[in-house]
PDB file of all heavy atoms in Angstrom:
ATOM      1  N   LEU A   1      60.424  11.894 -39.692  1.00  0.00           N
ATOM      2  CA  LEU A   1      61.816  12.156 -39.352  1.00  0.00           C
ATOM      3  C   LEU A   1      61.927  12.954 -38.060  1.00  0.00           C
ATOM      4  O   LEU A   1      62.805  12.691 -37.235  1.00  0.00           O
ATOM      5  CB  LEU A   1      62.520  12.902 -40.490  1.00  0.00           C
ATOM      6  CG  LEU A   1      62.968  12.015 -41.666  1.00  0.00           C
ATOM      7  CD1 LEU A   1      61.828  11.820 -42.660  1.00  0.00           C
ATOM      8  CD2 LEU A   1      64.177  12.603 -42.368  1.00  0.00           C
ATOM      9  N   ARG A   2      61.024  13.941 -37.860  1.00  0.00           N
ATOM     10  CA  ARG A   2      61.067  14.732 -36.618  1.00  0.00           C
ATOM     11  C   ARG A   2      60.787  13.850 -35.408  1.00  0.00           C
ATOM     12  O   ARG A   2      61.473  13.946 -34.390  1.00  0.00           O
ATOM     13  CB  ARG A   2      60.062  15.877 -36.691  1.00  0.00           C
ATOM     14  CG  ARG A   2      60.442  16.999 -37.640  1.00  0.00           C
ATOM     15  CD  ARG A   2      59.622  18.250 -37.340  1.00  0.00           C
ATOM     16  NE  ARG A   2      58.188  17.976 -37.444  1.00  0.00           N
ATOM     17  CZ  ARG A   2      57.470  18.110 -38.561  1.00  0.00           C
ATOM     18  NH1 ARG A   2      58.068  18.499 -39.688  1.00  0.00           N
ATOM     19  NH2 ARG A   2      56.175  17.878 -38.581  1.00  0.00           N
ATOM     20  N   ASN A   3      59.770  13.004 -35.518  1.00  0.00           N
ATOM     21  CA  ASN A   3      59.419  12.140 -34.386  1.00  0.00           C
ATOM     22  C   ASN A   3      60.549  11.169 -34.057  1.00  0.00           C
ATOM     23  O   ASN A   3      60.877  10.940 -32.889  1.00  0.00           O
ATOM     24  CB  ASN A   3      58.135  11.360 -34.693  1.00  0.00           C
ATOM     25  CG  ASN A   3      56.913  12.255 -34.739  1.00  0.00           C
ATOM     26  OD1 ASN A   3      56.967  13.403 -34.297  1.00  0.00           O
ATOM     27  ND2 ASN A   3      55.822  11.741 -35.268  1.00  0.00           N
ATOM     28  N   ASN A   4      61.147  10.599 -35.083  1.00  0.00           N
ATOM     29  CA  ASN A   4      62.240   9.659 -34.850  1.00  0.00           C
ATOM     30  C   ASN A   4      63.461  10.368 -34.290  1.00  0.00           C
ATOM     31  O   ASN A   4      64.179   9.823 -33.441  1.00  0.00           O
ATOM     32  CB  ASN A   4      62.595   8.939 -36.150  1.00  0.00           C
ATOM     33  CG  ASN A   4      63.484   7.745 -35.925  1.00  0.00           C
ATOM     34  OD1 ASN A   4      63.110   6.788 -35.269  1.00  0.00           O
ATOM     35  ND2 ASN A   4      64.706   7.802 -36.459  1.00  0.00           N
ATOM     36  N   ASN A   5      63.684  11.595 -34.733  1.00  0.00           N
ATOM     37  CA  ASN A   5      64.809  12.360 -34.205  1.00  0.00           C
ATOM     38  C   ASN A   5      64.586  12.696 -32.731  1.00  0.00           C
ATOM     39  O   ASN A   5      65.527  12.702 -31.935  1.00  0.00           O
ATOM     40  CB  ASN A   5      64.989  13.648 -35.018  1.00  0.00           C
ATOM     41  CG  ASN A   5      66.395  14.200 -34.907  1.00  0.00           C
ATOM     42  OD1 ASN A   5      67.366  13.454 -34.881  1.00  0.00           O
ATOM     43  ND2 ASN A   5      66.503  15.511 -34.815  1.00  0.00           N
ATOM     44  N   ALA A   6      63.331  12.978 -32.367  1.00  0.00           N
ATOM     45  CA  ALA A   6      63.008  13.226 -30.956  1.00  0.00           C
ATOM     46  C   ALA A   6      63.254  11.964 -30.126  1.00  0.00           C
ATOM     47  O   ALA A   6      63.721  12.039 -28.982  1.00  0.00           O
ATOM     48  CB  ALA A   6      61.561  13.683 -30.818  1.00  0.00           C
ATOM     49  N   THR A   7      62.931  10.805 -30.690  1.00  0.00           N
ATOM     50  CA  THR A   7      63.203   9.546 -30.002  1.00  0.00           C
ATOM     51  C   THR A   7      64.698   9.357 -29.776  1.00  0.00           C
ATOM     52  O   THR A   7      65.133   8.919 -28.707  1.00  0.00           O
ATOM     53  CB  THR A   7      62.648   8.365 -30.820  1.00  0.00           C
ATOM     54  OG1 THR A   7      61.230   8.502 -30.942  1.00  0.00           O
ATOM     55  CG2 THR A   7      62.976   7.041 -30.157  1.00  0.00           C
ATOM     56  N   ILE A   8      65.495   9.708 -30.776  1.00  0.00           N
ATOM     57  CA  ILE A   8      66.955   9.592 -30.647  1.00  0.00           C
ATOM     58  C   ILE A   8      67.461  10.493 -29.523  1.00  0.00           C
ATOM     59  O   ILE A   8      68.273  10.075 -28.688  1.00  0.00           O
ATOM     60  CB  ILE A   8      67.637   9.945 -31.984  1.00  0.00           C
ATOM     61  CG1 ILE A   8      67.325   8.868 -33.026  1.00  0.00           C
ATOM     62  CG2 ILE A   8      69.135  10.107 -31.802  1.00  0.00           C
ATOM     63  CD1 ILE A   8      67.817   9.201 -34.419  1.00  0.00           C
ATOM     64  N   ARG A   9      66.969  11.728 -29.473  1.00  0.00           N
ATOM     65  CA  ARG A   9      67.390  12.652 -28.405  1.00  0.00           C
ATOM     66  C   ARG A   9      66.989  12.113 -27.036  1.00  0.00           C
ATOM     67  O   ARG A   9      67.769  12.161 -26.081  1.00  0.00           O
ATOM     68  CB  ARG A   9      66.798  14.036 -28.628  1.00  0.00           C
ATOM     69  CG  ARG A   9      67.382  14.785 -29.814  1.00  0.00           C
ATOM     70  CD  ARG A   9      67.047  16.269 -29.723  1.00  0.00           C
ATOM     71  NE  ARG A   9      65.603  16.496 -29.645  1.00  0.00           N
ATOM     72  CZ  ARG A   9      64.811  16.634 -30.703  1.00  0.00           C
ATOM     73  NH1 ARG A   9      65.328  16.552 -31.930  1.00  0.00           N
ATOM     74  NH2 ARG A   9      63.528  16.850 -30.561  1.00  0.00           N
ATOM     75  N   ARG A  10      65.751  11.602 -26.939  1.00  0.00           N
ATOM     76  CA  ARG A  10      65.272  11.081 -25.655  1.00  0.00           C
ATOM     77  C   ARG A  10      66.122   9.903 -25.200  1.00  0.00           C
ATOM     78  O   ARG A  10      66.494   9.809 -24.022  1.00  0.00           O
ATOM     79  CB  ARG A  10      63.808  10.662 -25.788  1.00  0.00           C
ATOM     80  CG  ARG A  10      63.233  10.018 -24.534  1.00  0.00           C
ATOM     81  CD  ARG A  10      61.804   9.584 -24.761  1.00  0.00           C
ATOM     82  NE  ARG A  10      61.700   8.620 -25.846  1.00  0.00           N
ATOM     83  CZ  ARG A  10      61.966   7.335 -25.720  1.00  0.00           C
ATOM     84  NH1 ARG A  10      62.400   6.852 -24.560  1.00  0.00           N
ATOM     85  NH2 ARG A  10      61.817   6.509 -26.740  1.00  0.00           N
ATOM     86  N   LEU A  11      66.447   9.007 -26.108  1.00  0.00           N
ATOM     87  CA  LEU A  11      67.254   7.851 -25.743  1.00  0.00           C
ATOM     88  C   LEU A  11      68.658   8.265 -25.304  1.00  0.00           C
ATOM     89  O   LEU A  11      69.198   7.738 -24.327  1.00  0.00           O
ATOM     90  CB  LEU A  11      67.336   6.882 -26.925  1.00  0.00           C
ATOM     91  CG  LEU A  11      66.049   6.117 -27.263  1.00  0.00           C
ATOM     92  CD1 LEU A  11      66.201   5.364 -28.579  1.00  0.00           C
ATOM     93  CD2 LEU A  11      65.677   5.157 -26.144  1.00  0.00           C
ATOM     94  N   LYS A  12      69.246   9.220 -26.010  1.00  0.00           N
ATOM     95  CA  LYS A  12      70.579   9.694 -25.632  1.00  0.00           C
ATOM     96  C   LYS A  12      70.560  10.324 -24.241  1.00  0.00           C
ATOM     97  O   LYS A  12      71.474  10.095 -23.427  1.00  0.00           O
ATOM     98  CB  LYS A  12      71.094  10.707 -26.658  1.00  0.00           C
ATOM     99  CG  LYS A  12      71.506  10.082 -27.988  1.00  0.00           C
ATOM    100  CD  LYS A  12      72.032  11.141 -28.936  1.00  0.00           C
ATOM    101  CE  LYS A  12      72.521  10.523 -30.250  1.00  0.00           C
ATOM    102  NZ  LYS A  12      73.022  11.555 -31.183  1.00  0.00           N
ATOM    103  N   GLU A  13      69.526  11.101 -23.962  1.00  0.00           N
ATOM    104  CA  GLU A  13      69.433  11.745 -22.648  1.00  0.00           C
ATOM    105  C   GLU A  13      69.258  10.709 -21.543  1.00  0.00           C
ATOM    106  O   GLU A  13      69.866  10.807 -20.469  1.00  0.00           O
ATOM    107  CB  GLU A  13      68.260  12.727 -22.636  1.00  0.00           C
ATOM    108  CG  GLU A  13      68.487  13.958 -23.491  1.00  0.00           C
ATOM    109  CD  GLU A  13      67.247  14.806 -23.638  1.00  0.00           C
ATOM    110  OE1 GLU A  13      66.187  14.401 -23.085  1.00  0.00           O
ATOM    111  OE2 GLU A  13      67.312  15.857 -24.292  1.00  0.00           O
ATOM    112  N   ARG A  14      68.454   9.697 -21.813  1.00  0.00           N
ATOM    113  CA  ARG A  14      68.225   8.683 -20.784  1.00  0.00           C
ATOM    114  C   ARG A  14      69.465   7.831 -20.556  1.00  0.00           C
ATOM    115  O   ARG A  14      69.790   7.480 -19.428  1.00  0.00           O
ATOM    116  CB  ARG A  14      67.051   7.791 -21.184  1.00  0.00           C
ATOM    117  CG  ARG A  14      66.583   6.920 -20.038  1.00  0.00           C
ATOM    118  CD  ARG A  14      65.299   6.217 -20.320  1.00  0.00           C
ATOM    119  NE  ARG A  14      64.988   5.329 -19.223  1.00  0.00           N
ATOM    120  CZ  ARG A  14      64.293   4.220 -19.338  1.00  0.00           C
ATOM    121  NH1 ARG A  14      63.813   3.857 -20.531  1.00  0.00           N
ATOM    122  NH2 ARG A  14      64.042   3.451 -18.298  1.00  0.00           N
ATOM    123  N   ILE A  15      70.175   7.514 -21.636  1.00  0.00           N
ATOM    124  CA  ILE A  15      71.417   6.756 -21.492  1.00  0.00           C
ATOM    125  C   ILE A  15      72.431   7.550 -20.666  1.00  0.00           C
ATOM    126  O   ILE A  15      73.088   7.000 -19.776  1.00  0.00           O
ATOM    127  CB  ILE A  15      71.988   6.408 -22.878  1.00  0.00           C
ATOM    128  CG1 ILE A  15      71.103   5.360 -23.565  1.00  0.00           C
ATOM    129  CG2 ILE A  15      73.417   5.891 -22.768  1.00  0.00           C
ATOM    130  CD1 ILE A  15      71.459   5.120 -25.016  1.00  0.00           C
ATOM    131  N   ALA A  16      72.529   8.844 -20.951  1.00  0.00           N
ATOM    132  CA  ALA A  16      73.462   9.685 -20.196  1.00  0.00           C
ATOM    133  C   ALA A  16      73.066   9.739 -18.724  1.00  0.00           C
ATOM    134  O   ALA A  16      73.934   9.696 -17.831  1.00  0.00           O
ATOM    135  CB  ALA A  16      73.492  11.092 -20.796  1.00  0.00           C
ATOM    136  N   GLU A  17      71.762   9.823 -18.462  1.00  0.00           N
ATOM    137  CA  GLU A  17      71.292   9.864 -17.075  1.00  0.00           C
ATOM    138  C   GLU A  17      71.630   8.570 -16.343  1.00  0.00           C
ATOM    139  O   GLU A  17      72.099   8.588 -15.202  1.00  0.00           O
ATOM    140  CB  GLU A  17      69.781  10.096 -17.061  1.00  0.00           C
ATOM    141  CG  GLU A  17      69.173  10.103 -15.667  1.00  0.00           C
ATOM    142  CD  GLU A  17      67.663  10.184 -15.697  1.00  0.00           C
ATOM    143  OE1 GLU A  17      67.097  10.379 -16.786  1.00  0.00           O
ATOM    144  OE2 GLU A  17      67.049  10.043 -14.623  1.00  0.00           O
ATOM    145  N   LEU A  18      71.387   7.427 -16.988  1.00  0.00           N
ATOM    146  CA  LEU A  18      71.656   6.148 -16.340  1.00  0.00           C
ATOM    147  C   LEU A  18      73.159   5.936 -16.122  1.00  0.00           C
ATOM    148  O   LEU A  18      73.581   5.392 -15.099  1.00  0.00           O
ATOM    149  CB  LEU A  18      71.082   5.009 -17.176  1.00  0.00           C
ATOM    150  CG  LEU A  18      69.554   4.921 -17.220  1.00  0.00           C
ATOM    151  CD1 LEU A  18      69.104   3.790 -18.132  1.00  0.00           C
ATOM    152  CD2 LEU A  18      68.980   4.738 -15.825  1.00  0.00           C
ATOM    153  N   ARG A  19      73.975   6.378 -17.086  1.00  0.00           N
ATOM    154  CA  ARG A  19      75.414   6.247 -16.906  1.00  0.00           C
ATOM    155  C   ARG A  19      75.903   7.118 -15.755  1.00  0.00           C
ATOM    156  O   ARG A  19      76.765   6.706 -14.971  1.00  0.00           O
ATOM    157  CB  ARG A  19      76.123   6.623 -18.201  1.00  0.00           C
ATOM    158  CG  ARG A  19      76.060   5.518 -19.262  1.00  0.00           C
ATOM    159  CD  ARG A  19      76.709   5.947 -20.541  1.00  0.00           C
ATOM    160  NE  ARG A  19      76.816   4.832 -21.482  1.00  0.00           N
ATOM    161  CZ  ARG A  19      77.064   4.962 -22.764  1.00  0.00           C
ATOM    162  NH1 ARG A  19      77.255   6.172 -23.279  1.00  0.00           N
ATOM    163  NH2 ARG A  19      77.149   3.904 -23.546  1.00  0.00           N
ATOM    164  N   ALA A  20      75.346   8.329 -15.653  1.00  0.00           N
ATOM    165  CA  ALA A  20      75.740   9.207 -14.552  1.00  0.00           C
ATOM    166  C   ALA A  20      75.325   8.595 -13.213  1.00  0.00           C
ATOM    167  O   ALA A  20      76.073   8.676 -12.230  1.00  0.00           O
ATOM    168  CB  ALA A  20      75.091  10.579 -14.731  1.00  0.00           C
ATOM    169  N   ARG A  21      74.168   7.957 -13.192  1.00  0.00           N
ATOM    170  CA  ARG A  21      73.705   7.318 -11.968  1.00  0.00           C
ATOM    171  C   ARG A  21      74.602   6.133 -11.606  1.00  0.00           C
ATOM    172  O   ARG A  21      74.887   5.887 -10.433  1.00  0.00           O
ATOM    173  CB  ARG A  21      72.258   6.864 -12.144  1.00  0.00           C
ATOM    174  CG  ARG A  21      71.562   6.487 -10.852  1.00  0.00           C
ATOM    175  CD  ARG A  21      70.121   6.125 -11.124  1.00  0.00           C
ATOM    176  NE  ARG A  21      69.421   7.242 -11.741  1.00  0.00           N
ATOM    177  CZ  ARG A  21      68.220   7.128 -12.294  1.00  0.00           C
ATOM    178  NH1 ARG A  21      67.625   5.944 -12.335  1.00  0.00           N
ATOM    179  NH2 ARG A  21      67.627   8.177 -12.815  1.00  0.00           N
ATOM    180  N   ARG A  22      75.047   5.383 -12.627  1.00  0.00           N
ATOM    181  CA  ARG A  22      75.943   4.263 -12.379  1.00  0.00           C
ATOM    182  C   ARG A  22      77.272   4.750 -11.808  1.00  0.00           C
ATOM    183  O   ARG A  22      77.826   4.157 -10.878  1.00  0.00           O
ATOM    184  CB  ARG A  22      76.177   3.496 -13.678  1.00  0.00           C
ATOM    185  CG  ARG A  22      76.991   2.220 -13.510  1.00  0.00           C
ATOM    186  CD  ARG A  22      77.168   1.523 -14.827  1.00  0.00           C
ATOM    187  NE  ARG A  22      77.990   2.312 -15.749  1.00  0.00           N
ATOM    188  CZ  ARG A  22      78.202   2.000 -17.014  1.00  0.00           C
ATOM    189  NH1 ARG A  22      77.633   0.916 -17.519  1.00  0.00           N
ATOM    190  NH2 ARG A  22      78.965   2.763 -17.771  1.00  0.00           N
ATOM    191  N   GLU A  23      77.792   5.858 -12.346  1.00  0.00           N
ATOM    192  CA  GLU A  23      79.031   6.421 -11.825  1.00  0.00           C
ATOM    193  C   GLU A  23      78.848   6.905 -10.392  1.00  0.00           C
ATOM    194  O   GLU A  23      79.743   6.768  -9.556  1.00  0.00           O
ATOM    195  CB  GLU A  23      79.494   7.563 -12.727  1.00  0.00           C
ATOM    196  CG  GLU A  23      79.918   7.103 -14.120  1.00  0.00           C
ATOM    197  CD  GLU A  23      80.209   8.267 -15.040  1.00  0.00           C
ATOM    198  OE1 GLU A  23      80.067   9.433 -14.576  1.00  0.00           O
ATOM    199  OE2 GLU A  23      80.571   8.045 -16.209  1.00  0.00           O
ATOM    200  N   GLN A  24      77.651   7.462 -10.127  1.00  0.00           N
ATOM    201  CA  GLN A  24      77.359   7.912  -8.777  1.00  0.00           C
ATOM    202  C   GLN A  24      77.329   6.735  -7.810  1.00  0.00           C
ATOM    203  O   GLN A  24      77.838   6.818  -6.685  1.00  0.00           O
ATOM    204  CB  GLN A  24      76.003   8.638  -8.756  1.00  0.00           C
ATOM    205  CG  GLN A  24      75.591   9.155  -7.389  1.00  0.00           C
ATOM    206  CD  GLN A  24      74.216   9.795  -7.427  1.00  0.00           C
ATOM    207  OE1 GLN A  24      73.609   9.915  -8.483  1.00  0.00           O
ATOM    208  NE2 GLN A  24      73.719  10.199  -6.271  1.00  0.00           N
ATOM    209  N   ALA A  25      76.740   5.628  -8.256  1.00  0.00           N
ATOM    210  CA  ALA A  25      76.688   4.432  -7.410  1.00  0.00           C
ATOM    211  C   ALA A  25      78.086   3.883  -7.155  1.00  0.00           C
ATOM    212  O   ALA A  25      78.407   3.446  -6.051  1.00  0.00           O
ATOM    213  CB  ALA A  25      75.809   3.368  -8.067  1.00  0.00           C
ATOM    214  N   ALA A  26      78.939   3.906  -8.195  1.00  0.00           N
ATOM    215  CA  ALA A  26      80.303   3.417  -8.025  1.00  0.00           C
ATOM    216  C   ALA A  26      81.088   4.305  -7.066  1.00  0.00           C
ATOM    217  O   ALA A  26      81.876   3.815  -6.246  1.00  0.00           O
ATOM    218  CB  ALA A  26      81.004   3.364  -9.382  1.00  0.00           C
ATOM    219  N   ALA A  27      80.863   5.618  -7.136  1.00  0.00           N
ATOM    220  CA  ALA A  27      81.557   6.541  -6.242  1.00  0.00           C
ATOM    221  C   ALA A  27      81.089   6.364  -4.807  1.00  0.00           C
ATOM    222  O   ALA A  27      81.877   6.448  -3.860  1.00  0.00           O
ATOM    223  CB  ALA A  27      81.334   7.980  -6.703  1.00  0.00           C
ATOM    224  N   ALA A  28      79.769   6.094  -4.646  1.00  0.00           N
ATOM    225  CA  ALA A  28      79.233   5.912  -3.301  1.00  0.00           C
ATOM    226  C   ALA A  28      79.706   4.607  -2.685  1.00  0.00           C
ATOM    227  O   ALA A  28      79.758   4.464  -1.467  1.00  0.00           O
ATOM    228  CB  ALA A  28      77.704   5.937  -3.337  1.00  0.00           C
ATOM    229  N   ASP A  29      80.050   3.618  -3.546  1.00  0.00           N
ATOM    230  CA  ASP A  29      80.561   2.320  -3.091  1.00  0.00           C
ATOM    231  C   ASP A  29      79.617   1.662  -2.103  1.00  0.00           C
ATOM    232  O   ASP A  29      80.020   1.105  -1.083  1.00  0.00           O
ATOM    233  CB  ASP A  29      81.940   2.491  -2.465  1.00  0.00           C
ATOM    234  CG  ASP A  29      82.661   1.156  -2.312  1.00  0.00           C
ATOM    235  OD1 ASP A  29      82.321   0.219  -3.054  1.00  0.00           O
ATOM    236  OD2 ASP A  29      83.541   1.069  -1.432  1.00  0.00           O
ATOM    237  N   GLY A  30      78.313   1.747  -2.431  1.00  0.00           N
ATOM    238  CA  GLY A  30      77.311   1.050  -1.617  1.00  0.00           C
ATOM    239  C   GLY A  30      76.841   1.820  -0.409  1.00  0.00           C
ATOM    240  O   GLY A  30      75.940   1.372   0.297  1.00  0.00           O
TER     241      GLY A  30
END
């Protein structure tokens, strides 16, 4: 359960990072 919970945290952090990067790309407009 601890290992799987760590995986959940890691995935959430990476998703948040990629979404923030996507927003940054949209703001930069190329």
